Amino acid sequence: MVADFLRRFWVCLALSVPIVALPMMFQALAGYHLSFSYSTPLLLGLASVIYVYGGWPFLSGTVGNCAAGSRA
């Protein structure tokens, strides 16, 4: 279980690098300019993958608890 969380952490960390590097505000602070078409949908897709993949143990546990009718 710990190995699964560690693997999810490293994958999500690697996927978060472009999410941090592509926004215009970070580019202005870091002093570089990188622009290409479809960068916004790319960021949305990467963030969605990180949310679902990284949070899957918590999301599935929430669904299981709701289905069982338990309260946290």
PDB file of N, CA and C in Angstrom:
ATOM      1  N   MET A   1       0.821  -1.190   0.000  1.00  0.00           N
ATOM      2  CA  MET A   1       0.000   0.000   0.000  1.00  0.00           C
ATOM      3  C   MET A   1       0.868   1.258   0.000  1.00  0.00           C
ATOM      4  N   VAL A   2       1.932   1.250   0.788  1.00  0.00           N
ATOM      5  CA  VAL A   2       2.829   2.397   0.822  1.00  0.00           C
ATOM      6  C   VAL A   2       3.526   2.550  -0.529  1.00  0.00           C
ATOM      7  N   ALA A   3       3.890   1.436  -1.135  1.00  0.00           N
ATOM      8  CA  ALA A   3       4.543   1.487  -2.448  1.00  0.00           C
ATOM      9  C   ALA A   3       3.601   2.070  -3.504  1.00  0.00           C
ATOM     10  N   ASP A   4       2.315   1.758  -3.402  1.00  0.00           N
ATOM     11  CA  ASP A   4       1.336   2.301  -4.348  1.00  0.00           C
ATOM     12  C   ASP A   4       1.225   3.816  -4.196  1.00  0.00           C
ATOM     13  N   PHE A   5       1.152   4.298  -2.956  1.00  0.00           N
ATOM     14  CA  PHE A   5       1.086   5.743  -2.730  1.00  0.00           C
ATOM     15  C   PHE A   5       2.367   6.436  -3.187  1.00  0.00           C
ATOM     16  N   LEU A   6       3.494   5.815  -2.967  1.00  0.00           N
ATOM     17  CA  LEU A   6       4.762   6.399  -3.391  1.00  0.00           C
ATOM     18  C   LEU A   6       4.851   6.482  -4.915  1.00  0.00           C
ATOM     19  N   ARG A   7       4.408   5.430  -5.601  1.00  0.00           N
ATOM     20  CA  ARG A   7       4.393   5.444  -7.068  1.00  0.00           C
ATOM     21  C   ARG A   7       3.451   6.536  -7.581  1.00  0.00           C
ATOM     22  N   ARG A   8       2.275   6.636  -6.976  1.00  0.00           N
ATOM     23  CA  ARG A   8       1.320   7.680  -7.380  1.00  0.00           C
ATOM     24  C   ARG A   8       1.898   9.077  -7.146  1.00  0.00           C
ATOM     25  N   PHE A   9       2.609   9.244  -6.047  1.00  0.00           N
ATOM     26  CA  PHE A   9       3.227  10.529  -5.752  1.00  0.00           C
ATOM     27  C   PHE A   9       4.234  10.917  -6.824  1.00  0.00           C
ATOM     28  N   TRP A  10       5.130   9.999  -7.189  1.00  0.00           N
ATOM     29  CA  TRP A  10       6.169  10.321  -8.172  1.00  0.00           C
ATOM     30  C   TRP A  10       5.581  10.575  -9.555  1.00  0.00           C
ATOM     31  N   VAL A  11       4.564   9.801  -9.939  1.00  0.00           N
ATOM     32  CA  VAL A  11       3.927  10.025 -11.239  1.00  0.00           C
ATOM     33  C   VAL A  11       3.244  11.391 -11.265  1.00  0.00           C
ATOM     34  N   CYS A  12       2.514  11.715 -10.200  1.00  0.00           N
ATOM     35  CA  CYS A  12       1.831  13.006 -10.140  1.00  0.00           C
ATOM     36  C   CYS A  12       2.820  14.167 -10.065  1.00  0.00           C
ATOM     37  N   LEU A  13       3.927  13.956  -9.382  1.00  0.00           N
ATOM     38  CA  LEU A  13       4.956  14.995  -9.333  1.00  0.00           C
ATOM     39  C   LEU A  13       5.540  15.258 -10.718  1.00  0.00           C
ATOM     40  N   ALA A  14       5.806  14.200 -11.461  1.00  0.00           N
ATOM     41  CA  ALA A  14       6.341  14.369 -12.817  1.00  0.00           C
ATOM     42  C   ALA A  14       5.327  15.042 -13.740  1.00  0.00           C
ATOM     43  N   LEU A  15       4.057  14.711 -13.584  1.00  0.00           N
ATOM     44  CA  LEU A  15       3.033  15.320 -14.426  1.00  0.00           C
ATOM     45  C   LEU A  15       2.744  16.767 -14.032  1.00  0.00           C
ATOM     46  N   SER A  16       3.095  17.154 -12.822  1.00  0.00           N
ATOM     47  CA  SER A  16       2.815  18.517 -12.379  1.00  0.00           C
ATOM     48  C   SER A  16       3.857  19.529 -12.851  1.00  0.00           C
ATOM     49  N   VAL A  17       4.988  19.076 -13.326  1.00  0.00           N
ATOM     50  CA  VAL A  17       6.022  20.006 -13.800  1.00  0.00           C
ATOM     51  C   VAL A  17       5.514  20.884 -14.945  1.00  0.00           C
ATOM     52  N   PRO A  18       4.879  20.322 -15.996  1.00  0.00           N
ATOM     53  CA  PRO A  18       4.357  21.215 -17.034  1.00  0.00           C
ATOM     54  C   PRO A  18       3.214  22.092 -16.552  1.00  0.00           C
ATOM     55  N   ILE A  19       2.471  21.632 -15.561  1.00  0.00           N
ATOM     56  CA  ILE A  19       1.373  22.443 -15.042  1.00  0.00           C
ATOM     57  C   ILE A  19       1.917  23.687 -14.346  1.00  0.00           C
ATOM     58  N   VAL A  20       3.052  23.560 -13.723  1.00  0.00           N
ATOM     59  CA  VAL A  20       3.670  24.713 -13.068  1.00  0.00           C
ATOM     60  C   VAL A  20       4.405  25.585 -14.086  1.00  0.00           C
ATOM     61  N   ALA A  21       5.015  24.981 -15.094  1.00  0.00           N
ATOM     62  CA  ALA A  21       5.876  25.720 -16.015  1.00  0.00           C
ATOM     63  C   ALA A  21       5.120  26.460 -17.118  1.00  0.00           C
ATOM     64  N   LEU A  22       3.917  26.028 -17.458  1.00  0.00           N
ATOM     65  CA  LEU A  22       3.233  26.621 -18.611  1.00  0.00           C
ATOM     66  C   LEU A  22       2.403  27.873 -18.342  1.00  0.00           C
ATOM     67  N   PRO A  23       1.864  28.107 -17.170  1.00  0.00           N
ATOM     68  CA  PRO A  23       1.053  29.322 -16.988  1.00  0.00           C
ATOM     69  C   PRO A  23       1.859  30.602 -17.192  1.00  0.00           C
ATOM     70  N   MET A  24       1.188  31.619 -17.714  1.00  0.00           N
ATOM     71  CA  MET A  24       1.853  32.876 -18.060  1.00  0.00           C
ATOM     72  C   MET A  24       2.424  33.583 -16.832  1.00  0.00           C
ATOM     73  N   MET A  25       1.765  33.472 -15.695  1.00  0.00           N
ATOM     74  CA  MET A  25       2.250  34.151 -14.503  1.00  0.00           C
ATOM     75  C   MET A  25       3.602  33.585 -14.061  1.00  0.00           C
ATOM     76  N   PHE A  26       3.754  32.288 -14.097  1.00  0.00           N
ATOM     77  CA  PHE A  26       5.040  31.684 -13.733  1.00  0.00           C
ATOM     78  C   PHE A  26       6.097  32.037 -14.770  1.00  0.00           C
ATOM     79  N   GLN A  27       5.712  32.079 -16.031  1.00  0.00           N
ATOM     80  CA  GLN A  27       6.671  32.443 -17.074  1.00  0.00           C
ATOM     81  C   GLN A  27       7.169  33.866 -16.871  1.00  0.00           C
ATOM     82  N   ALA A  28       6.266  34.768 -16.473  1.00  0.00           N
ATOM     83  CA  ALA A  28       6.678  36.152 -16.230  1.00  0.00           C
ATOM     84  C   ALA A  28       7.624  36.240 -15.031  1.00  0.00           C
ATOM     85  N   LEU A  29       7.351  35.456 -13.999  1.00  0.00           N
ATOM     86  CA  LEU A  29       8.225  35.474 -12.821  1.00  0.00           C
ATOM     87  C   LEU A  29       9.583  34.849 -13.114  1.00  0.00           C
ATOM     88  N   ALA A  30       9.601  33.787 -13.906  1.00  0.00           N
ATOM     89  CA  ALA A  30      10.848  33.092 -14.203  1.00  0.00           C
ATOM     90  C   ALA A  30      11.630  33.755 -15.338  1.00  0.00           C
ATOM     91  N   GLY A  31      10.974  34.606 -16.114  1.00  0.00           N
ATOM     92  CA  GLY A  31      11.677  35.350 -17.152  1.00  0.00           C
ATOM     93  C   GLY A  31      11.833  34.614 -18.469  1.00  0.00           C
ATOM     94  N   TYR A  32      10.895  33.785 -18.825  1.00  0.00           N
ATOM     95  CA  TYR A  32      10.936  33.127 -20.128  1.00  0.00           C
ATOM     96  C   TYR A  32       9.548  33.168 -20.740  1.00  0.00           C
ATOM     97  N   HIS A  33       9.469  32.851 -22.031  1.00  0.00           N
ATOM     98  CA  HIS A  33       8.184  32.861 -22.722  1.00  0.00           C
ATOM     99  C   HIS A  33       8.066  31.583 -23.547  1.00  0.00           C
ATOM    100  N   LEU A  34       7.030  30.825 -23.269  1.00  0.00           N
ATOM    101  CA  LEU A  34       6.748  29.590 -23.988  1.00  0.00           C
ATOM    102  C   LEU A  34       5.268  29.586 -24.308  1.00  0.00           C
ATOM    103  N   SER A  35       4.952  29.601 -25.595  1.00  0.00           N
ATOM    104  CA  SER A  35       3.556  29.663 -25.990  1.00  0.00           C
ATOM    105  C   SER A  35       3.324  28.734 -27.172  1.00  0.00           C
ATOM    106  N   PHE A  36       2.255  27.972 -27.107  1.00  0.00           N
ATOM    107  CA  PHE A  36       1.851  27.133 -28.222  1.00  0.00           C
ATOM    108  C   PHE A  36       0.349  26.934 -28.154  1.00  0.00           C
ATOM    109  N   SER A  37      -0.212  26.550 -29.278  1.00  0.00           N
ATOM    110  CA  SER A  37      -1.663  26.359 -29.307  1.00  0.00           C
ATOM    111  C   SER A  37      -2.041  25.139 -28.480  1.00  0.00           C
ATOM    112  N   TYR A  38      -3.208  25.190 -27.931  1.00  0.00           N
ATOM    113  CA  TYR A  38      -3.784  24.112 -27.109  1.00  0.00           C
ATOM    114  C   TYR A  38      -3.030  23.880 -25.804  1.00  0.00           C
ATOM    115  N   SER A  39      -2.372  24.897 -25.285  1.00  0.00           N
ATOM    116  CA  SER A  39      -1.699  24.723 -23.995  1.00  0.00           C
ATOM    117  C   SER A  39      -2.719  24.656 -22.854  1.00  0.00           C
ATOM    118  N   THR A  40      -3.809  25.409 -22.971  1.00  0.00           N
ATOM    119  CA  THR A  40      -4.833  25.381 -21.920  1.00  0.00           C
ATOM    120  C   THR A  40      -5.530  24.029 -21.841  1.00  0.00           C
ATOM    121  N   PRO A  41      -5.971  23.432 -22.959  1.00  0.00           N
ATOM    122  CA  PRO A  41      -6.549  22.087 -22.851  1.00  0.00           C
ATOM    123  C   PRO A  41      -5.545  21.041 -22.359  1.00  0.00           C
ATOM    124  N   LEU A  42      -4.279  21.223 -22.705  1.00  0.00           N
ATOM    125  CA  LEU A  42      -3.247  20.314 -22.210  1.00  0.00           C
ATOM    126  C   LEU A  42      -3.140  20.396 -20.690  1.00  0.00           C
ATOM    127  N   LEU A  43      -3.143  21.615 -20.162  1.00  0.00           N
ATOM    128  CA  LEU A  43      -3.078  21.790 -18.713  1.00  0.00           C
ATOM    129  C   LEU A  43      -4.308  21.203 -18.033  1.00  0.00           C
ATOM    130  N   LEU A  44      -5.468  21.398 -18.628  1.00  0.00           N
ATOM    131  CA  LEU A  44      -6.697  20.828 -18.072  1.00  0.00           C
ATOM    132  C   LEU A  44      -6.637  19.309 -18.066  1.00  0.00           C
ATOM    133  N   GLY A  45      -6.150  18.727 -19.139  1.00  0.00           N
ATOM    134  CA  GLY A  45      -6.039  17.275 -19.214  1.00  0.00           C
ATOM    135  C   GLY A  45      -5.048  16.713 -18.202  1.00  0.00           C
ATOM    136  N   LEU A  46      -3.891  17.350 -18.087  1.00  0.00           N
ATOM    137  CA  LEU A  46      -2.893  16.889 -17.116  1.00  0.00           C
ATOM    138  C   LEU A  46      -3.399  17.026 -15.682  1.00  0.00           C
ATOM    139  N   ALA A  47      -4.054  18.138 -15.394  1.00  0.00           N
ATOM    140  CA  ALA A  47      -4.586  18.322 -14.044  1.00  0.00           C
ATOM    141  C   ALA A  47      -5.677  17.301 -13.734  1.00  0.00           C
ATOM    142  N   SER A  48      -6.486  16.965 -14.720  1.00  0.00           N
ATOM    143  CA  SER A  48      -7.527  15.956 -14.511  1.00  0.00           C
ATOM    144  C   SER A  48      -6.917  14.582 -14.261  1.00  0.00           C
ATOM    145  N   VAL A  49      -5.873  14.253 -15.004  1.00  0.00           N
ATOM    146  CA  VAL A  49      -5.191  12.967 -14.805  1.00  0.00           C
ATOM    147  C   VAL A  49      -4.581  12.911 -13.404  1.00  0.00           C
ATOM    148  N   ILE A  50      -3.961  13.991 -12.975  1.00  0.00           N
ATOM    149  CA  ILE A  50      -3.367  14.031 -11.633  1.00  0.00           C
ATOM    150  C   ILE A  50      -4.443  13.890 -10.569  1.00  0.00           C
ATOM    151  N   TYR A  51      -5.563  14.577 -10.748  1.00  0.00           N
ATOM    152  CA  TYR A  51      -6.643  14.514  -9.764  1.00  0.00           C
ATOM    153  C   TYR A  51      -7.203  13.104  -9.647  1.00  0.00           C
ATOM    154  N   VAL A  52      -7.475  12.476 -10.780  1.00  0.00           N
ATOM    155  CA  VAL A  52      -8.091  11.145 -10.750  1.00  0.00           C
ATOM    156  C   VAL A  52      -7.075  10.081 -10.347  1.00  0.00           C
ATOM    157  N   TYR A  53      -5.905  10.088 -10.952  1.00  0.00           N
ATOM    158  CA  TYR A  53      -4.910   9.057 -10.654  1.00  0.00           C
ATOM    159  C   TYR A  53      -4.368   9.194  -9.228  1.00  0.00           C
ATOM    160  N   GLY A  54      -4.010  10.396  -8.855  1.00  0.00           N
ATOM    161  CA  GLY A  54      -3.454  10.605  -7.523  1.00  0.00           C
ATOM    162  C   GLY A  54      -4.472  10.444  -6.417  1.00  0.00           C
ATOM    163  N   GLY A  55      -5.709  10.797  -6.693  1.00  0.00           N
ATOM    164  CA  GLY A  55      -6.739  10.719  -5.674  1.00  0.00           C
ATOM    165  C   GLY A  55      -7.590   9.471  -5.725  1.00  0.00           C
ATOM    166  N   TRP A  56      -7.257   8.524  -6.600  1.00  0.00           N
ATOM    167  CA  TRP A  56      -8.097   7.336  -6.767  1.00  0.00           C
ATOM    168  C   TRP A  56      -8.340   6.566  -5.471  1.00  0.00           C
ATOM    169  N   PRO A  57      -7.338   6.331  -4.627  1.00  0.00           N
ATOM    170  CA  PRO A  57      -7.635   5.611  -3.376  1.00  0.00           C
ATOM    171  C   PRO A  57      -8.656   6.346  -2.503  1.00  0.00           C
ATOM    172  N   PHE A  58      -8.588   7.664  -2.486  1.00  0.00           N
ATOM    173  CA  PHE A  58      -9.507   8.452  -1.676  1.00  0.00           C
ATOM    174  C   PHE A  58     -10.883   8.528  -2.330  1.00  0.00           C
ATOM    175  N   LEU A  59     -10.913   8.676  -3.641  1.00  0.00           N
ATOM    176  CA  LEU A  59     -12.195   8.733  -4.346  1.00  0.00           C
ATOM    177  C   LEU A  59     -12.944   7.413  -4.252  1.00  0.00           C
ATOM    178  N   SER A  60     -12.246   6.311  -4.424  1.00  0.00           N
ATOM    179  CA  SER A  60     -12.907   5.009  -4.337  1.00  0.00           C
ATOM    180  C   SER A  60     -13.351   4.719  -2.900  1.00  0.00           C
ATOM    181  N   GLY A  61     -12.587   5.150  -1.921  1.00  0.00           N
ATOM    182  CA  GLY A  61     -12.995   4.987  -0.530  1.00  0.00           C
ATOM    183  C   GLY A  61     -14.224   5.814  -0.205  1.00  0.00           C
ATOM    184  N   THR A  62     -14.309   7.003  -0.766  1.00  0.00           N
ATOM    185  CA  THR A  62     -15.476   7.847  -0.556  1.00  0.00           C
ATOM    186  C   THR A  62     -16.715   7.216  -1.163  1.00  0.00           C
ATOM    187  N   VAL A  63     -16.585   6.707  -2.367  1.00  0.00           N
ATOM    188  CA  VAL A  63     -17.718   6.054  -3.024  1.00  0.00           C
ATOM    189  C   VAL A  63     -18.150   4.813  -2.228  1.00  0.00           C
ATOM    190  N   GLY A  64     -17.189   4.039  -1.752  1.00  0.00           N
ATOM    191  CA  GLY A  64     -17.511   2.870  -0.960  1.00  0.00           C
ATOM    192  C   GLY A  64     -18.222   3.219   0.338  1.00  0.00           C
ATOM    193  N   ASN A  65     -17.768   4.267   1.003  1.00  0.00           N
ATOM    194  CA  ASN A  65     -18.413   4.707   2.243  1.00  0.00           C
ATOM    195  C   ASN A  65     -19.806   5.245   2.003  1.00  0.00           C
ATOM    196  N   CYS A  66     -19.976   5.989   0.937  1.00  0.00           N
ATOM    197  CA  CYS A  66     -21.305   6.508   0.611  1.00  0.00           C
ATOM    198  C   CYS A  66     -22.268   5.396   0.256  1.00  0.00           C
ATOM    199  N   ALA A  67     -21.774   4.393  -0.453  1.00  0.00           N
ATOM    200  CA  ALA A  67     -22.632   3.266  -0.818  1.00  0.00           C
ATOM    201  C   ALA A  67     -23.011   2.454   0.409  1.00  0.00           C
ATOM    202  N   ALA A  68     -22.121   2.366   1.382  1.00  0.00           N
ATOM    203  CA  ALA A  68     -22.404   1.601   2.591  1.00  0.00           C
ATOM    204  C   ALA A  68     -23.280   2.403   3.567  1.00  0.00           C
ATOM    205  N   GLY A  69     -23.381   3.696   3.326  1.00  0.00           N
ATOM    206  CA  GLY A  69     -24.207   4.530   4.186  1.00  0.00           C
ATOM    207  C   GLY A  69     -23.520   4.970   5.463  1.00  0.00           C
ATOM    208  N   SER A  70     -22.226   4.855   5.529  1.00  0.00           N
ATOM    209  CA  SER A  70     -21.509   5.279   6.732  1.00  0.00           C
ATOM    210  C   SER A  70     -21.189   6.763   6.656  1.00  0.00           C
ATOM    211  N   ARG A  71     -20.999   7.349   7.814  1.00  0.00           N
ATOM    212  CA  ARG A  71     -20.646   8.766   7.893  1.00  0.00           C
ATOM    213  C   ARG A  71     -19.248   8.906   8.454  1.00  0.00           C
ATOM    214  N   ALA A  72     -18.531   9.881   7.937  1.00  0.00           N
ATOM    215  CA  ALA A  72     -17.157  10.082   8.414  1.00  0.00           C
ATOM    216  C   ALA A  72     -17.126  11.155   9.459  1.00  0.00           C
TER     217      ALA A  72
END
